[in-house]
PDB file of N, CA and C in Angstrom:
ATOM      1  N   UNK A   1     -13.182   4.468  -3.979  1.00  0.00           N
ATOM      2  CA  UNK A   1     -12.096   5.012  -4.756  1.00  0.00           C
ATOM      3  C   UNK A   1     -11.521   6.281  -4.113  1.00  0.00           C
ATOM      4  N   UNK A   2     -12.352   7.026  -3.410  1.00  0.00           N
ATOM      5  CA  UNK A   2     -11.877   8.259  -2.781  1.00  0.00           C
ATOM      6  C   UNK A   2     -10.953   7.975  -1.606  1.00  0.00           C
ATOM      7  N   UNK A   3     -11.043   6.803  -0.995  1.00  0.00           N
ATOM      8  CA  UNK A   3     -10.193   6.499   0.152  1.00  0.00           C
ATOM      9  C   UNK A   3      -8.783   6.103  -0.262  1.00  0.00           C
ATOM     10  N   UNK A   4      -8.521   5.926  -1.538  1.00  0.00           N
ATOM     11  CA  UNK A   4      -7.176   5.577  -2.003  1.00  0.00           C
ATOM     12  C   UNK A   4      -6.191   6.719  -1.835  1.00  0.00           C
ATOM     13  N   UNK A   5      -6.679   7.919  -1.713  1.00  0.00           N
ATOM     14  CA  UNK A   5      -5.792   9.064  -1.555  1.00  0.00           C
ATOM     15  C   UNK A   5      -5.241   9.174  -0.144  1.00  0.00           C
ATOM     16  N   UNK A   6      -5.990   8.696   0.855  1.00  0.00           N
ATOM     17  CA  UNK A   6      -5.548   8.771   2.248  1.00  0.00           C
ATOM     18  C   UNK A   6      -4.875   7.455   2.632  1.00  0.00           C
ATOM     19  N   UNK A   7      -3.666   7.559   3.143  1.00  0.00           N
ATOM     20  CA  UNK A   7      -2.905   6.381   3.543  1.00  0.00           C
ATOM     21  C   UNK A   7      -2.513   6.517   5.003  1.00  0.00           C
ATOM     22  N   UNK A   8      -2.240   5.395   5.650  1.00  0.00           N
ATOM     23  CA  UNK A   8      -1.783   5.392   7.032  1.00  0.00           C
ATOM     24  C   UNK A   8      -0.297   5.708   7.068  1.00  0.00           C
ATOM     25  N   UNK A   9       0.089   6.567   7.995  1.00  0.00           N
ATOM     26  CA  UNK A   9       1.485   6.936   8.169  1.00  0.00           C
ATOM     27  C   UNK A   9       1.868   6.668   9.621  1.00  0.00           C
ATOM     28  N   UNK A  10       2.948   5.922   9.820  1.00  0.00           N
ATOM     29  CA  UNK A  10       3.457   5.628  11.158  1.00  0.00           C
ATOM     30  C   UNK A  10       4.493   6.679  11.519  1.00  0.00           C
ATOM     31  N   UNK A  11       4.340   7.287  12.697  1.00  0.00           N
ATOM     32  CA  UNK A  11       5.271   8.324  13.147  1.00  0.00           C
ATOM     33  C   UNK A  11       6.262   7.738  14.135  1.00  0.00           C
ATOM     34  N   UNK A  12       7.533   8.074  13.936  1.00  0.00           N
ATOM     35  CA  UNK A  12       8.629   7.540  14.741  1.00  0.00           C
ATOM     36  C   UNK A  12       9.354   8.691  15.424  1.00  0.00           C
ATOM     37  N   UNK A  13       9.638   8.532  16.716  1.00  0.00           N
ATOM     38  CA  UNK A  13      10.366   9.555  17.474  1.00  0.00           C
ATOM     39  C   UNK A  13      11.790   9.672  16.923  1.00  0.00           C
ATOM     40  N   UNK A  14      12.268  10.898  16.760  1.00  0.00           N
ATOM     41  CA  UNK A  14      13.608  11.089  16.203  1.00  0.00           C
ATOM     42  C   UNK A  14      14.700  10.872  17.239  1.00  0.00           C
ATOM     43  N   UNK A  15      14.349  10.874  18.528  1.00  0.00           N
ATOM     44  CA  UNK A  15      15.370  10.689  19.557  1.00  0.00           C
ATOM     45  C   UNK A  15      15.510   9.229  19.979  1.00  0.00           C
ATOM     46  N   UNK A  16      14.414   8.584  20.335  1.00  0.00           N
ATOM     47  CA  UNK A  16      14.502   7.202  20.827  1.00  0.00           C
ATOM     48  C   UNK A  16      14.163   6.172  19.744  1.00  0.00           C
ATOM     49  N   UNK A  17      13.716   6.609  18.567  1.00  0.00           N
ATOM     50  CA  UNK A  17      13.422   5.746  17.409  1.00  0.00           C
ATOM     51  C   UNK A  17      12.286   4.761  17.653  1.00  0.00           C
ATOM     52  N   UNK A  18      11.386   5.071  18.565  1.00  0.00           N
ATOM     53  CA  UNK A  18      10.215   4.212  18.793  1.00  0.00           C
ATOM     54  C   UNK A  18       9.060   4.712  17.947  1.00  0.00           C
ATOM     55  N   UNK A  19       8.282   3.775  17.452  1.00  0.00           N
ATOM     56  CA  UNK A  19       7.108   4.124  16.655  1.00  0.00           C
ATOM     57  C   UNK A  19       5.927   4.289  17.588  1.00  0.00           C
ATOM     58  N   UNK A  20       5.494   5.535  17.800  1.00  0.00           N
ATOM     59  CA  UNK A  20       4.503   5.854  18.815  1.00  0.00           C
ATOM     60  C   UNK A  20       3.114   6.123  18.271  1.00  0.00           C
ATOM     61  N   UNK A  21       2.980   6.677  17.081  1.00  0.00           N
ATOM     62  CA  UNK A  21       1.698   7.146  16.590  1.00  0.00           C
ATOM     63  C   UNK A  21       1.425   6.611  15.193  1.00  0.00           C
ATOM     64  N   UNK A  22       0.139   6.461  14.883  1.00  0.00           N
ATOM     65  CA  UNK A  22      -0.319   6.151  13.535  1.00  0.00           C
ATOM     66  C   UNK A  22      -1.335   7.217  13.164  1.00  0.00           C
ATOM     67  N   UNK A  23      -1.143   7.851  12.023  1.00  0.00           N
ATOM     68  CA  UNK A  23      -2.044   8.885  11.553  1.00  0.00           C
ATOM     69  C   UNK A  23      -2.326   8.643  10.080  1.00  0.00           C
ATOM     70  N   UNK A  24      -3.200   9.421   9.506  1.00  0.00           N
ATOM     71  CA  UNK A  24      -3.469   9.306   8.077  1.00  0.00           C
ATOM     72  C   UNK A  24      -3.082  10.613   7.401  1.00  0.00           C
ATOM     73  N   UNK A  25      -2.651  10.492   6.156  1.00  0.00           N
ATOM     74  CA  UNK A  25      -2.285  11.686   5.409  1.00  0.00           C
ATOM     75  C   UNK A  25      -2.814  11.555   3.990  1.00  0.00           C
ATOM     76  N   UNK A  26      -3.000  12.675   3.350  1.00  0.00           N
ATOM     77  CA  UNK A  26      -3.471  12.701   1.983  1.00  0.00           C
ATOM     78  C   UNK A  26      -2.258  12.599   1.067  1.00  0.00           C
ATOM     79  N   UNK A  27      -2.136  11.469   0.391  1.00  0.00           N
ATOM     80  CA  UNK A  27      -0.976  11.221  -0.471  1.00  0.00           C
ATOM     81  C   UNK A  27      -0.967  12.156  -1.674  1.00  0.00           C
ATOM     82  N   UNK A  28      -2.134  12.587  -2.107  1.00  0.00           N
ATOM     83  CA  UNK A  28      -2.227  13.468  -3.271  1.00  0.00           C
ATOM     84  C   UNK A  28      -1.684  14.859  -2.969  1.00  0.00           C
ATOM     85  N   UNK A  29      -1.941  15.378  -1.763  1.00  0.00           N
ATOM     86  CA  UNK A  29      -1.488  16.726  -1.401  1.00  0.00           C
ATOM     87  C   UNK A  29      -0.090  16.734  -0.789  1.00  0.00           C
ATOM     88  N   UNK A  30       0.257  15.715  -0.002  1.00  0.00           N
ATOM     89  CA  UNK A  30       1.552  15.658   0.697  1.00  0.00           C
ATOM     90  C   UNK A  30       2.345  14.459   0.190  1.00  0.00           C
ATOM     91  N   UNK A  31       3.224  14.695  -0.749  1.00  0.00           N
ATOM     92  CA  UNK A  31       4.012  13.605  -1.328  1.00  0.00           C
ATOM     93  C   UNK A  31       5.191  13.220  -0.425  1.00  0.00           C
ATOM     94  N   UNK A  32       5.811  14.197   0.228  1.00  0.00           N
ATOM     95  CA  UNK A  32       6.986  13.923   1.061  1.00  0.00           C
ATOM     96  C   UNK A  32       6.559  13.437   2.441  1.00  0.00           C
ATOM     97  N   UNK A  33       7.520  12.995   3.204  1.00  0.00           N
ATOM     98  CA  UNK A  33       7.250  12.503   4.555  1.00  0.00           C
ATOM     99  C   UNK A  33       6.868  13.654   5.474  1.00  0.00           C
ATOM    100  N   UNK A  34       5.924  13.390   6.374  1.00  0.00           N
ATOM    101  CA  UNK A  34       5.473  14.432   7.287  1.00  0.00           C
ATOM    102  C   UNK A  34       6.303  14.391   8.575  1.00  0.00           C
ATOM    103  N   UNK A  35       6.386  15.528   9.246  1.00  0.00           N
ATOM    104  CA  UNK A  35       7.077  15.617  10.530  1.00  0.00           C
ATOM    105  C   UNK A  35       6.219  16.457  11.465  1.00  0.00           C
ATOM    106  N   UNK A  36       5.859  15.891  12.610  1.00  0.00           N
ATOM    107  CA  UNK A  36       5.022  16.565  13.596  1.00  0.00           C
ATOM    108  C   UNK A  36       5.702  16.530  14.954  1.00  0.00           C
ATOM    109  N   UNK A  37       5.414  17.512  15.778  1.00  0.00           N
ATOM    110  CA  UNK A  37       5.932  17.532  17.133  1.00  0.00           C
ATOM    111  C   UNK A  37       4.887  16.891  18.035  1.00  0.00           C
ATOM    112  N   UNK A  38       5.189  15.705  18.566  1.00  0.00           N
ATOM    113  CA  UNK A  38       4.246  14.940  19.375  1.00  0.00           C
ATOM    114  C   UNK A  38       4.900  14.577  20.708  1.00  0.00           C
ATOM    115  N   UNK A  39       4.074  14.160  21.660  1.00  0.00           N
ATOM    116  CA  UNK A  39       4.573  13.761  22.973  1.00  0.00           C
ATOM    117  C   UNK A  39       5.079  12.320  22.912  1.00  0.00           C
ATOM    118  N   UNK A  40       6.273  12.084  23.424  1.00  0.00           N
ATOM    119  CA  UNK A  40       6.842  10.741  23.528  1.00  0.00           C
ATOM    120  C   UNK A  40       6.919  10.384  25.008  1.00  0.00           C
ATOM    121  N   UNK A  41       6.246   9.311  25.399  1.00  0.00           N
ATOM    122  CA  UNK A  41       6.227   8.959  26.819  1.00  0.00           C
ATOM    123  C   UNK A  41       7.540   8.345  27.276  1.00  0.00           C
ATOM    124  N   UNK A  42       8.347   7.837  26.363  1.00  0.00           N
ATOM    125  CA  UNK A  42       9.648   7.278  26.743  1.00  0.00           C
ATOM    126  C   UNK A  42      10.709   8.377  26.888  1.00  0.00           C
ATOM    127  N   UNK A  43      10.585   9.441  26.115  1.00  0.00           N
ATOM    128  CA  UNK A  43      11.501  10.583  26.242  1.00  0.00           C
ATOM    129  C   UNK A  43      10.989  11.598  27.257  1.00  0.00           C
ATOM    130  N   UNK A  44       9.738  11.463  27.680  1.00  0.00           N
ATOM    131  CA  UNK A  44       9.086  12.365  28.642  1.00  0.00           C
ATOM    132  C   UNK A  44       9.086  13.812  28.168  1.00  0.00           C
ATOM    133  N   UNK A  45       8.679  14.014  26.939  1.00  0.00           N
ATOM    134  CA  UNK A  45       8.576  15.374  26.425  1.00  0.00           C
ATOM    135  C   UNK A  45       8.100  15.392  24.992  1.00  0.00           C
ATOM    136  N   UNK A  46       7.909  16.593  24.463  1.00  0.00           N
ATOM    137  CA  UNK A  46       7.499  16.760  23.079  1.00  0.00           C
ATOM    138  C   UNK A  46       8.736  16.749  22.188  1.00  0.00           C
ATOM    139  N   UNK A  47       8.763  15.836  21.248  1.00  0.00           N
ATOM    140  CA  UNK A  47       9.888  15.669  20.343  1.00  0.00           C
ATOM    141  C   UNK A  47       9.366  15.606  18.912  1.00  0.00           C
ATOM    142  N   UNK A  48      10.198  15.903  17.936  1.00  0.00           N
ATOM    143  CA  UNK A  48       9.770  15.754  16.534  1.00  0.00           C
ATOM    144  C   UNK A  48       9.596  14.285  16.186  1.00  0.00           C
ATOM    145  N   UNK A  49       8.513  13.966  15.507  1.00  0.00           N
ATOM    146  CA  UNK A  49       8.232  12.617  15.048  1.00  0.00           C
ATOM    147  C   UNK A  49       8.147  12.651  13.529  1.00  0.00           C
ATOM    148  N   UNK A  50       8.915  11.786  12.855  1.00  0.00           N
ATOM    149  CA  UNK A  50       8.922  11.716  11.400  1.00  0.00           C
ATOM    150  C   UNK A  50       8.186  10.467  10.931  1.00  0.00           C
ATOM    151  N   UNK A  51       7.679  10.558   9.740  1.00  0.00           N
ATOM    152  CA  UNK A  51       7.001   9.415   9.149  1.00  0.00           C
ATOM    153  C   UNK A  51       8.032   8.351   8.780  1.00  0.00           C
ATOM    154  N   UNK A  52       7.775   7.118   9.210  1.00  0.00           N
ATOM    155  CA  UNK A  52       8.672   6.010   8.880  1.00  0.00           C
ATOM    156  C   UNK A  52       8.010   5.137   7.835  1.00  0.00           C
ATOM    157  N   UNK A  53       8.784   4.304   7.206  1.00  0.00           N
ATOM    158  CA  UNK A  53       8.270   3.456   6.134  1.00  0.00           C
ATOM    159  C   UNK A  53       7.918   2.084   6.654  1.00  0.00           C
TER     160      UNK A  53
END
């Protein structure tokens, strides 16, 4: 029952729109979509990645 709070979130690059990363987030604490700065190998640099649905 405790694992229901953590869900998988797919991160998508905001520049090239490729889905590069899968992470988990706590749905109870973070209701909105997360945004992290991650490395994109297709853009060859660190770009903002937003959670996609």
